[in-house]
Amino acid sequence: MKNGSPEGDLVGVLEVATDRQAARDAGDLHAERLEQARQSLLQAKPGDSVSSIAARFGFSSLSAFSRDFRAAFGIAPSDLLREGLEFRP
């Protein structure tokens, strides 16, 4: 029992559940931002860079963005940018 009462136990359980939901929400937001960056890399215009696109979606660390992007999509963002630019009409 937290604080020696059943109510304390309930508070502890609710705190853990809230923390887990917040972590899930943060993960969902991160995945959504990565997907938006992926779409922008595919639709990039000449002069766009990985760092400018990453920054547009709130990624302040280019190395962390690149690592997370590769883990999510199996391709480096720079390779996807190059592919997107090569196949633009």
C-alpha atoms as a PDB file:
ATOM      1  CA  MET A   1       0.000   0.000   0.000  1.00  0.00           C
ATOM      2  CA  LYS A   2       1.249   3.431  -0.881  1.00  0.00           C
ATOM      3  CA  ASN A   3       0.933   5.818   2.041  1.00  0.00           C
ATOM      4  CA  GLY A   4      -0.597   2.950   4.027  1.00  0.00           C
ATOM      5  CA  SER A   5      -4.057   3.186   2.448  1.00  0.00           C
ATOM      6  CA  PRO A   6      -5.990   1.570  -0.415  1.00  0.00           C
ATOM      7  CA  GLU A   7      -6.438   5.040  -1.915  1.00  0.00           C
ATOM      8  CA  GLY A   8      -2.661   5.374  -2.006  1.00  0.00           C
ATOM      9  CA  ASP A   9      -2.468   2.126  -3.988  1.00  0.00           C
ATOM     10  CA  LEU A  10      -4.998   3.448  -6.466  1.00  0.00           C
ATOM     11  CA  VAL A  11      -3.066   6.693  -6.875  1.00  0.00           C
ATOM     12  CA  GLY A  12       0.089   4.682  -7.592  1.00  0.00           C
ATOM     13  CA  VAL A  13      -1.668   2.563 -10.211  1.00  0.00           C
ATOM     14  CA  LEU A  14      -3.124   5.654 -11.875  1.00  0.00           C
ATOM     15  CA  GLU A  15       0.277   7.346 -11.925  1.00  0.00           C
ATOM     16  CA  VAL A  16       1.841   4.329 -13.650  1.00  0.00           C
ATOM     17  CA  ALA A  17      -1.018   4.134 -16.172  1.00  0.00           C
ATOM     18  CA  THR A  18      -0.746   7.851 -16.908  1.00  0.00           C
ATOM     19  CA  ASP A  19       3.023   7.576 -17.382  1.00  0.00           C
ATOM     20  CA  ARG A  20       2.577   4.645 -19.775  1.00  0.00           C
ATOM     21  CA  GLN A  21      -0.060   6.500 -21.798  1.00  0.00           C
ATOM     22  CA  ALA A  22       2.147   9.582 -21.990  1.00  0.00           C
ATOM     23  CA  ALA A  23       5.026   7.451 -23.248  1.00  0.00           C
ATOM     24  CA  ARG A  24       2.754   5.851 -25.878  1.00  0.00           C
ATOM     25  CA  ASP A  25       1.489   9.264 -26.971  1.00  0.00           C
ATOM     26  CA  ALA A  26       5.044  10.572 -27.270  1.00  0.00           C
ATOM     27  CA  GLY A  27       5.989   7.519 -29.324  1.00  0.00           C
ATOM     28  CA  ASP A  28       2.988   8.023 -31.602  1.00  0.00           C
ATOM     29  CA  LEU A  29       3.875  11.681 -32.094  1.00  0.00           C
ATOM     30  CA  HIS A  30       7.488  10.775 -32.868  1.00  0.00           C
ATOM     31  CA  ALA A  31       6.357   8.189 -35.439  1.00  0.00           C
ATOM     32  CA  GLU A  32       3.982  10.711 -37.013  1.00  0.00           C
ATOM     33  CA  ARG A  33       6.750  13.308 -37.292  1.00  0.00           C
ATOM     34  CA  LEU A  34       9.043  10.713 -38.903  1.00  0.00           C
ATOM     35  CA  GLU A  35       6.323   9.838 -41.425  1.00  0.00           C
ATOM     36  CA  GLN A  36       5.780  13.512 -42.267  1.00  0.00           C
ATOM     37  CA  ALA A  37       9.526  13.920 -42.775  1.00  0.00           C
ATOM     38  CA  ARG A  38       9.550  10.828 -45.011  1.00  0.00           C
ATOM     39  CA  GLN A  39       6.811  12.307 -47.192  1.00  0.00           C
ATOM     40  CA  SER A  40       8.706  15.598 -47.432  1.00  0.00           C
ATOM     41  CA  LEU A  41      11.912  13.809 -48.404  1.00  0.00           C
ATOM     42  CA  LEU A  42      10.055  12.028 -51.199  1.00  0.00           C
ATOM     43  CA  GLN A  43       8.519  15.310 -52.406  1.00  0.00           C
ATOM     44  CA  ALA A  44      11.637  17.442 -51.903  1.00  0.00           C
ATOM     45  CA  LYS A  45      12.560  20.198 -54.276  1.00  0.00           C
ATOM     46  CA  PRO A  46      16.102  20.909 -55.443  1.00  0.00           C
ATOM     47  CA  GLY A  47      17.864  22.742 -52.643  1.00  0.00           C
ATOM     48  CA  ASP A  48      16.013  20.948 -49.846  1.00  0.00           C
ATOM     49  CA  SER A  49      18.291  19.160 -47.390  1.00  0.00           C
ATOM     50  CA  VAL A  50      17.811  16.406 -44.850  1.00  0.00           C
ATOM     51  CA  SER A  51      18.669  18.838 -42.064  1.00  0.00           C
ATOM     52  CA  SER A  52      16.141  21.459 -43.212  1.00  0.00           C
ATOM     53  CA  ILE A  53      13.398  18.859 -43.532  1.00  0.00           C
ATOM     54  CA  ALA A  54      14.262  17.298 -40.163  1.00  0.00           C
ATOM     55  CA  ALA A  55      14.189  20.739 -38.526  1.00  0.00           C
ATOM     56  CA  ARG A  56      10.827  21.507 -40.145  1.00  0.00           C
ATOM     57  CA  PHE A  57       9.337  18.613 -38.185  1.00  0.00           C
ATOM     58  CA  GLY A  58      10.990  19.481 -34.882  1.00  0.00           C
ATOM     59  CA  PHE A  59      14.077  17.273 -34.948  1.00  0.00           C
ATOM     60  CA  SER A  60      16.938  19.262 -33.472  1.00  0.00           C
ATOM     61  CA  SER A  61      19.587  16.521 -33.705  1.00  0.00           C
ATOM     62  CA  LEU A  62      20.376  15.418 -37.239  1.00  0.00           C
ATOM     63  CA  SER A  63      22.195  12.301 -36.033  1.00  0.00           C
ATOM     64  CA  ALA A  64      19.270  11.219 -33.825  1.00  0.00           C
ATOM     65  CA  PHE A  65      16.826  11.933 -36.666  1.00  0.00           C
ATOM     66  CA  SER A  66      18.907   9.876 -39.116  1.00  0.00           C
ATOM     67  CA  ARG A  67      19.229   6.979 -36.654  1.00  0.00           C
ATOM     68  CA  ASP A  68      15.503   6.941 -35.847  1.00  0.00           C
ATOM     69  CA  PHE A  69      14.545   7.365 -39.511  1.00  0.00           C
ATOM     70  CA  ARG A  70      16.685   4.423 -40.600  1.00  0.00           C
ATOM     71  CA  ALA A  71      15.269   2.286 -37.783  1.00  0.00           C
ATOM     72  CA  ALA A  72      11.698   3.157 -38.792  1.00  0.00           C
ATOM     73  CA  PHE A  73      11.999   2.884 -42.580  1.00  0.00           C
ATOM     74  CA  GLY A  74      15.104   0.823 -43.316  1.00  0.00           C
ATOM     75  CA  ILE A  75      16.742   3.539 -45.406  1.00  0.00           C
ATOM     76  CA  ALA A  76      18.877   6.554 -44.607  1.00  0.00           C
ATOM     77  CA  PRO A  77      17.027   9.860 -45.040  1.00  0.00           C
ATOM     78  CA  SER A  78      19.787  11.099 -47.354  1.00  0.00           C
ATOM     79  CA  ASP A  79      19.260   8.075 -49.637  1.00  0.00           C
ATOM     80  CA  LEU A  80      15.502   8.655 -49.706  1.00  0.00           C
ATOM     81  CA  LEU A  81      16.024  12.344 -50.488  1.00  0.00           C
ATOM     82  CA  ARG A  82      18.335  11.423 -53.372  1.00  0.00           C
ATOM     83  CA  GLU A  83      15.810   8.879 -54.687  1.00  0.00           C
ATOM     84  CA  GLY A  84      12.989  11.388 -54.442  1.00  0.00           C
ATOM     85  CA  LEU A  85      14.952  14.008 -56.363  1.00  0.00           C
ATOM     86  CA  GLU A  86      16.056  11.542 -59.052  1.00  0.00           C
ATOM     87  CA  PHE A  87      12.514  10.397 -59.833  1.00  0.00           C
ATOM     88  CA  ARG A  88      10.832  13.788 -59.902  1.00  0.00           C
ATOM     89  CA  PRO A  89       9.433  14.747 -63.310  1.00  0.00           C
END
